[in-house]
Amino acid sequence: MLRLNLANMHLRRLESVGFLLQWVLVGAAVWNILQAGRARHHMASPPLDARTPDVSPSNEPEQPVSEAQLAAMWERNLRQTLIKPKPKKAPEPKRPPPAPPVKLPKLFATFVEQGKSWGLFVDSKGMHRVRAESQRVGGFQIVRIRPGSAQLKRGGTIYDVEVPRHKAPSGPRRQRKTKRR
């Protein structure tokens, strides 16, 4: 029984090798057929018969070129284009680049009492400053402080700065569940 199993194993191996050889031979036969077809395709063209028209550069009679035409051809600068380019549009005058946007101090809160008012500002360095009207913050003169806004002045231009409004939370908030002991 053991010998029979070994023989079957050897037969299986030979069967797979035979299958592989069979495909190699079929592939070789197809290759030979394709090569023969290509060789016939590249054979010489058939002979011309009387029905084939005369193949010449031009059936019209050649016209002689005058000496003036030859002189014009020889004198032409070959680096120039054959077709004159379209005239370019006149470039628009350059405008000065726009001035960089003014970096205003941020206003976080205002404190307004009768006759006195202060503002909590954050300057360009990130420092929190409490300033009253007519004082300076970040290079700006504080003109007026009202509830929720302030007016700053620099170089004759007055800028309005407002306290940022926070967005209301959207949807119901979930309360965190705490463990009871």
Foldseek 3Di string as FASTA:
>chain_A
DVVVVVVVVVVVVVVVVVVVVVVVVVVVVVVVVVVVVVVVVPDDDDDDDPPDDDDDPDPDDDDDDDPVNVVVVVPDDPVDDPDDDDDDDDDDDDDPDDDPDDDDWAWAFKDDDVPWIWTFTQEPVRDTDIGTAQDDDNQWHWHDDDGFWTWTDDPRDIDIHGHDDDDDDPDDDDDDDDDDD
